[in-house]
């Protein structure tokens, strides 16, 4: 039997798609730059949404903190735009969180590449 999706999951998907477009087109703050919305967690009562984002390109921790502050500062504006584009009785309050998974994945990939290269160097010497 196929799994049924809850209303919160359907709203989460719709919010993710719409916010990706709204951030790209409507947020003019230069601190934000290129953002990828990786996940949206909407509470069961649809009153709150945690938006997980990552930034395209290399950024220092200070730049990430400034961009997150800018996004959280624009959350009310984005919520208003979201309410106009998605017809919901309650538009969730938006909270933006930085998603470390992309950065962690790059680090692990570099470690694996390093381990493979040192192993092949050891094999060539032996």
N, C-alpha and C. Protein backbone atom coordinates (compact mmCIF):
# COMPACT_ATOMS: atom_id res chain seq x y z
N UNK A 1 0.85 -1.18 0.00
CA UNK A 1 0.00 0.00 0.00
C UNK A 1 0.89 1.25 0.00
N UNK A 2 0.67 2.20 -0.90
CA UNK A 2 1.51 3.39 -0.95
C UNK A 2 1.33 4.24 0.30
N UNK A 3 2.42 4.88 0.68
CA UNK A 3 2.41 5.72 1.87
C UNK A 3 1.68 7.03 1.58
N UNK A 4 0.80 7.41 2.46
CA UNK A 4 0.09 8.68 2.32
C UNK A 4 0.94 9.79 2.94
N UNK A 5 0.95 10.93 2.31
CA UNK A 5 1.70 12.06 2.83
C UNK A 5 0.79 12.91 3.71
N UNK A 6 1.35 13.37 4.83
CA UNK A 6 0.57 14.20 5.73
C UNK A 6 0.45 15.61 5.15
N UNK A 7 -0.50 16.34 5.69
CA UNK A 7 -0.69 17.73 5.24
C UNK A 7 0.58 18.54 5.50
N UNK A 8 1.22 18.33 6.64
CA UNK A 8 2.45 19.07 6.96
C UNK A 8 3.54 18.79 5.93
N UNK A 9 3.64 17.54 5.46
CA UNK A 9 4.66 17.22 4.45
C UNK A 9 4.35 17.88 3.12
N UNK A 10 3.08 17.91 2.74
CA UNK A 10 2.69 18.56 1.48
C UNK A 10 2.93 20.07 1.56
N UNK A 11 2.59 20.68 2.69
CA UNK A 11 2.83 22.11 2.87
C UNK A 11 4.33 22.38 2.87
N UNK A 12 5.10 21.50 3.51
CA UNK A 12 6.55 21.65 3.55
C UNK A 12 7.16 21.68 2.15
N UNK A 13 6.72 20.76 1.29
CA UNK A 13 7.22 20.73 -0.08
C UNK A 13 6.85 21.99 -0.84
N UNK A 14 5.61 22.45 -0.68
CA UNK A 14 5.16 23.65 -1.37
C UNK A 14 5.94 24.88 -0.89
N UNK A 15 6.15 24.97 0.43
CA UNK A 15 6.90 26.10 1.00
C UNK A 15 8.35 26.08 0.49
N UNK A 16 8.96 24.90 0.43
CA UNK A 16 10.34 24.79 -0.04
C UNK A 16 10.47 25.30 -1.47
N UNK A 17 9.59 24.85 -2.34
CA UNK A 17 9.65 25.27 -3.74
C UNK A 17 9.41 26.77 -3.89
N UNK A 18 8.42 27.28 -3.18
CA UNK A 18 8.08 28.69 -3.31
C UNK A 18 9.15 29.58 -2.70
N UNK A 19 9.71 29.20 -1.55
CA UNK A 19 10.75 30.02 -0.92
C UNK A 19 12.01 30.08 -1.76
N UNK A 20 12.36 28.99 -2.42
CA UNK A 20 13.54 29.00 -3.28
C UNK A 20 13.40 30.08 -4.35
N UNK A 21 12.22 30.19 -4.92
CA UNK A 21 11.97 31.21 -5.95
C UNK A 21 11.93 32.60 -5.32
N UNK A 22 11.24 32.75 -4.20
CA UNK A 22 11.12 34.06 -3.56
C UNK A 22 12.47 34.61 -3.11
N UNK A 23 13.31 33.76 -2.52
CA UNK A 23 14.62 34.22 -2.08
C UNK A 23 15.45 34.67 -3.28
N UNK A 24 15.40 33.87 -4.34
CA UNK A 24 16.17 34.21 -5.54
C UNK A 24 15.70 35.52 -6.17
N UNK A 25 14.38 35.71 -6.26
CA UNK A 25 13.84 36.84 -6.99
C UNK A 25 13.59 38.09 -6.15
N UNK A 26 13.29 37.95 -4.87
CA UNK A 26 12.82 39.09 -4.08
C UNK A 26 13.81 39.61 -3.04
N UNK A 27 14.72 38.79 -2.56
CA UNK A 27 15.65 39.24 -1.53
C UNK A 27 16.81 39.94 -2.22
N UNK A 28 16.97 41.22 -1.94
CA UNK A 28 17.98 42.03 -2.61
C UNK A 28 19.22 42.28 -1.74
N UNK A 29 19.26 41.70 -0.58
CA UNK A 29 20.40 41.90 0.33
C UNK A 29 21.64 41.24 -0.24
N UNK A 30 22.73 41.99 -0.46
CA UNK A 30 23.94 41.40 -1.05
C UNK A 30 24.62 40.38 -0.15
N UNK A 31 24.33 40.40 1.15
CA UNK A 31 24.94 39.43 2.07
C UNK A 31 24.43 38.02 1.82
N UNK A 32 23.23 37.90 1.26
CA UNK A 32 22.61 36.59 1.09
C UNK A 32 23.26 35.82 -0.05
N UNK A 33 23.41 36.41 -1.21
CA UNK A 33 24.03 35.72 -2.33
C UNK A 33 23.16 34.58 -2.84
N UNK A 34 23.82 33.54 -3.35
CA UNK A 34 23.08 32.40 -3.90
C UNK A 34 22.79 31.39 -2.80
N UNK A 35 21.52 31.10 -2.61
CA UNK A 35 21.05 30.24 -1.53
C UNK A 35 20.33 29.03 -2.12
N UNK A 36 20.54 27.89 -1.49
CA UNK A 36 19.81 26.68 -1.85
C UNK A 36 18.99 26.26 -0.63
N UNK A 37 17.69 26.13 -0.82
CA UNK A 37 16.80 25.67 0.26
C UNK A 37 16.84 24.15 0.25
N UNK A 38 17.49 23.56 1.26
CA UNK A 38 17.70 22.11 1.26
C UNK A 38 16.56 21.34 1.90
N UNK A 39 15.88 21.93 2.89
CA UNK A 39 14.80 21.22 3.57
C UNK A 39 13.92 22.21 4.29
N UNK A 40 12.67 21.84 4.48
CA UNK A 40 11.72 22.64 5.25
C UNK A 40 10.98 21.71 6.20
N UNK A 41 11.01 22.03 7.48
CA UNK A 41 10.26 21.28 8.49
C UNK A 41 9.13 22.16 8.98
N UNK A 42 7.90 21.73 8.73
CA UNK A 42 6.72 22.49 9.16
C UNK A 42 6.12 21.76 10.35
N UNK A 43 5.75 22.52 11.38
CA UNK A 43 5.13 21.91 12.55
C UNK A 43 3.78 21.32 12.18
N UNK A 44 3.28 20.42 13.01
CA UNK A 44 2.03 19.73 12.70
C UNK A 44 0.85 20.70 12.60
N UNK A 45 0.89 21.78 13.39
CA UNK A 45 -0.20 22.76 13.33
C UNK A 45 0.02 23.82 12.25
N UNK A 46 1.10 23.68 11.47
CA UNK A 46 1.44 24.56 10.35
C UNK A 46 1.73 26.00 10.78
N UNK A 47 2.02 26.22 12.05
CA UNK A 47 2.27 27.57 12.53
C UNK A 47 3.74 27.98 12.42
N UNK A 48 4.64 27.01 12.39
CA UNK A 48 6.08 27.30 12.37
C UNK A 48 6.76 26.47 11.29
N UNK A 49 7.79 27.06 10.68
CA UNK A 49 8.57 26.33 9.67
C UNK A 49 10.05 26.62 9.89
N UNK A 50 10.84 25.56 9.93
CA UNK A 50 12.29 25.69 10.00
C UNK A 50 12.81 25.47 8.59
N UNK A 51 13.48 26.49 8.05
CA UNK A 51 13.98 26.45 6.68
C UNK A 51 15.48 26.19 6.74
N UNK A 52 15.91 25.05 6.19
CA UNK A 52 17.33 24.71 6.16
C UNK A 52 17.91 25.17 4.84
N UNK A 53 18.96 25.99 4.92
CA UNK A 53 19.56 26.55 3.70
C UNK A 53 21.06 26.30 3.70
N UNK A 54 21.62 26.30 2.50
CA UNK A 54 23.06 26.25 2.33
C UNK A 54 23.41 27.28 1.26
N UNK A 55 24.66 27.71 1.25
CA UNK A 55 25.09 28.74 0.32
C UNK A 55 25.99 28.16 -0.74
N UNK A 56 25.80 28.62 -1.97
CA UNK A 56 26.60 28.15 -3.09
C UNK A 56 27.95 28.87 -3.05
N UNK A 57 29.04 28.11 -3.16
CA UNK A 57 30.38 28.70 -3.16
C UNK A 57 31.01 28.65 -1.78
N UNK A 58 32.26 29.07 -1.72
CA UNK A 58 33.00 29.08 -0.45
C UNK A 58 32.67 30.34 0.34
N UNK A 59 32.35 30.15 1.61
CA UNK A 59 32.03 31.27 2.48
C UNK A 59 32.71 31.05 3.83
N UNK A 60 33.16 32.14 4.43
CA UNK A 60 33.71 32.05 5.78
C UNK A 60 32.55 31.96 6.76
N UNK A 61 32.86 31.58 7.98
CA UNK A 61 31.81 31.48 9.00
C UNK A 61 31.17 32.84 9.25
N UNK A 62 31.96 33.92 9.18
CA UNK A 62 31.44 35.27 9.39
C UNK A 62 30.43 35.62 8.29
N UNK A 63 30.74 35.29 7.03
CA UNK A 63 29.83 35.57 5.92
C UNK A 63 28.54 34.76 6.07
N UNK A 64 28.68 33.52 6.51
CA UNK A 64 27.50 32.67 6.71
C UNK A 64 26.62 33.26 7.81
N UNK A 65 27.23 33.70 8.91
CA UNK A 65 26.47 34.29 10.01
C UNK A 65 25.73 35.55 9.56
N UNK A 66 26.41 36.39 8.77
CA UNK A 66 25.78 37.62 8.27
C UNK A 66 24.62 37.29 7.33
N UNK A 67 24.82 36.32 6.47
CA UNK A 67 23.76 35.93 5.53
C UNK A 67 22.56 35.34 6.28
N UNK A 68 22.83 34.54 7.31
CA UNK A 68 21.73 33.97 8.10
C UNK A 68 20.97 35.07 8.83
N UNK A 69 21.69 36.07 9.35
CA UNK A 69 21.04 37.19 10.02
C UNK A 69 20.16 37.96 9.02
N UNK A 70 20.66 38.13 7.79
CA UNK A 70 19.89 38.82 6.76
C UNK A 70 18.62 38.04 6.40
N UNK A 71 18.76 36.72 6.25
CA UNK A 71 17.58 35.90 5.93
C UNK A 71 16.56 35.92 7.06
N UNK A 72 17.03 35.79 8.29
CA UNK A 72 16.10 35.82 9.42
C UNK A 72 15.47 37.20 9.58
N UNK A 73 16.23 38.24 9.21
CA UNK A 73 15.67 39.60 9.22
C UNK A 73 14.59 39.78 8.17
N UNK A 74 14.72 39.08 7.04
CA UNK A 74 13.75 39.18 5.95
C UNK A 74 12.62 38.16 6.09
N UNK A 75 12.59 37.41 7.19
CA UNK A 75 11.60 36.34 7.31
C UNK A 75 10.16 36.86 7.30
N UNK A 76 9.92 38.00 7.90
CA UNK A 76 8.56 38.57 7.89
C UNK A 76 8.13 38.95 6.48
N UNK A 77 9.04 39.57 5.73
CA UNK A 77 8.76 39.94 4.34
C UNK A 77 8.51 38.69 3.50
N UNK A 78 9.36 37.68 3.67
CA UNK A 78 9.19 36.43 2.92
C UNK A 78 7.89 35.73 3.30
N UNK A 79 7.51 35.82 4.57
CA UNK A 79 6.26 35.21 5.02
C UNK A 79 5.07 35.88 4.35
N UNK A 80 5.13 37.22 4.23
CA UNK A 80 4.06 37.96 3.56
C UNK A 80 3.95 37.55 2.09
N UNK A 81 5.10 37.43 1.41
CA UNK A 81 5.10 37.02 0.01
C UNK A 81 4.61 35.58 -0.14
N UNK A 82 5.00 34.74 0.82
CA UNK A 82 4.57 33.34 0.81
C UNK A 82 3.06 33.24 0.98
N UNK A 83 2.49 34.07 1.86
CA UNK A 83 1.05 34.07 2.09
C UNK A 83 0.30 34.47 0.82
N UNK A 84 0.89 35.36 0.04
CA UNK A 84 0.24 35.80 -1.20
C UNK A 84 0.30 34.72 -2.28
N UNK A 85 1.34 33.88 -2.26
CA UNK A 85 1.50 32.91 -3.33
C UNK A 85 0.92 31.53 -3.00
N UNK A 86 0.89 31.16 -1.72
CA UNK A 86 0.33 29.87 -1.31
C UNK A 86 -0.88 30.16 -0.43
N UNK A 87 -1.99 29.66 -0.83
CA UNK A 87 -3.23 29.93 -0.08
C UNK A 87 -3.36 28.95 1.09
N UNK A 88 -3.02 29.45 2.27
CA UNK A 88 -3.15 28.68 3.50
C UNK A 88 -3.93 29.52 4.51
N UNK A 89 -4.62 28.85 5.38
CA UNK A 89 -5.32 29.58 6.44
C UNK A 89 -4.33 30.26 7.36
N UNK A 90 -3.25 29.52 7.70
CA UNK A 90 -2.18 30.06 8.53
C UNK A 90 -0.88 29.93 7.75
N UNK A 91 -0.18 31.05 7.58
CA UNK A 91 1.14 30.99 6.94
C UNK A 91 2.16 30.81 8.05
N UNK A 92 3.01 29.80 7.95
CA UNK A 92 3.94 29.53 9.06
C UNK A 92 4.96 30.64 9.28
N UNK A 93 5.33 30.80 10.55
CA UNK A 93 6.41 31.73 10.92
C UNK A 93 7.72 31.07 10.50
N UNK A 94 8.56 31.81 9.76
CA UNK A 94 9.76 31.24 9.17
C UNK A 94 10.99 31.47 10.04
N UNK A 95 11.76 30.41 10.24
CA UNK A 95 13.05 30.49 10.92
C UNK A 95 14.08 29.82 10.03
N UNK A 96 15.14 30.56 9.69
CA UNK A 96 16.16 30.02 8.81
C UNK A 96 17.31 29.44 9.61
N UNK A 97 17.76 28.25 9.19
CA UNK A 97 18.87 27.54 9.84
C UNK A 97 19.89 27.15 8.77
N UNK A 98 21.18 27.23 9.12
CA UNK A 98 22.22 26.84 8.18
C UNK A 98 22.37 25.33 8.18
N UNK A 99 22.41 24.74 6.99
CA UNK A 99 22.54 23.29 6.83
C UNK A 99 24.02 22.96 6.59
N UNK A 100 24.62 22.27 7.53
CA UNK A 100 26.05 21.93 7.46
C UNK A 100 26.33 20.71 6.58
N UNK A 101 25.32 20.00 6.11
CA UNK A 101 25.55 18.72 5.45
C UNK A 101 26.40 18.84 4.19
N UNK A 102 26.22 19.89 3.40
CA UNK A 102 27.03 20.06 2.20
C UNK A 102 28.50 20.26 2.52
N UNK A 103 28.76 21.09 3.51
CA UNK A 103 30.13 21.36 3.94
C UNK A 103 30.78 20.09 4.50
N UNK A 104 30.01 19.36 5.30
CA UNK A 104 30.51 18.11 5.89
C UNK A 104 30.81 17.08 4.81
N UNK A 105 29.95 17.01 3.80
CA UNK A 105 30.14 16.07 2.70
C UNK A 105 31.41 16.38 1.92
N UNK A 106 31.68 17.66 1.67
CA UNK A 106 32.90 18.05 0.97
C UNK A 106 34.13 17.67 1.79
N UNK A 107 34.06 17.87 3.09
CA UNK A 107 35.18 17.54 3.98
C UNK A 107 35.44 16.04 3.97
N UNK A 108 34.38 15.25 4.08
CA UNK A 108 34.54 13.79 4.08
C UNK A 108 35.08 13.30 2.73
N UNK A 109 34.61 13.89 1.65
CA UNK A 109 35.10 13.53 0.33
C UNK A 109 36.60 13.82 0.20
N UNK A 110 37.03 14.96 0.72
CA UNK A 110 38.45 15.31 0.69
C UNK A 110 39.27 14.32 1.52
N UNK A 111 38.74 13.91 2.67
CA UNK A 111 39.44 12.94 3.50
C UNK A 111 39.57 11.59 2.80
N UNK A 112 38.51 11.18 2.12
CA UNK A 112 38.55 9.91 1.39
C UNK A 112 39.56 9.98 0.25
N UNK A 113 39.56 11.09 -0.49
CA UNK A 113 40.53 11.26 -1.58
C UNK A 113 41.95 11.22 -1.04
N UNK A 114 42.19 11.86 0.11
CA UNK A 114 43.51 11.87 0.72
C UNK A 114 43.92 10.45 1.12
N UNK A 115 43.00 9.71 1.72
CA UNK A 115 43.31 8.34 2.15
C UNK A 115 43.63 7.45 0.95
N UNK A 116 42.88 7.59 -0.11
CA UNK A 116 43.13 6.80 -1.32
C UNK A 116 44.48 7.15 -1.92
N UNK A 117 44.81 8.45 -1.98
CA UNK A 117 46.09 8.84 -2.58
C UNK A 117 47.28 8.37 -1.74
N UNK A 118 47.16 8.41 -0.41
CA UNK A 118 48.26 7.94 0.43
C UNK A 118 48.40 6.42 0.34
N UNK A 119 47.27 5.72 0.19
CA UNK A 119 47.32 4.27 0.04
C UNK A 119 48.00 3.89 -1.27
N UNK A 120 47.65 4.58 -2.36
CA UNK A 120 48.27 4.25 -3.65
C UNK A 120 49.75 4.63 -3.66
N UNK A 121 50.14 5.70 -2.94
CA UNK A 121 51.56 6.05 -2.82
C UNK A 121 52.31 4.96 -2.08
N UNK A 122 51.71 4.41 -1.01
CA UNK A 122 52.33 3.36 -0.22
C UNK A 122 52.46 2.08 -1.06
N UNK A 123 51.45 1.80 -1.90
CA UNK A 123 51.50 0.62 -2.76
C UNK A 123 52.62 0.73 -3.81
N UNK A 124 52.83 1.94 -4.31
CA UNK A 124 53.87 2.13 -5.33
C UNK A 124 55.26 2.01 -4.74
N UNK A 125 55.41 2.44 -3.48
CA UNK A 125 56.72 2.34 -2.83
C UNK A 125 57.06 0.90 -2.46
N UNK A 126 56.05 0.11 -2.13
CA UNK A 126 56.25 -1.24 -1.65
C UNK A 126 56.34 -2.23 -2.71
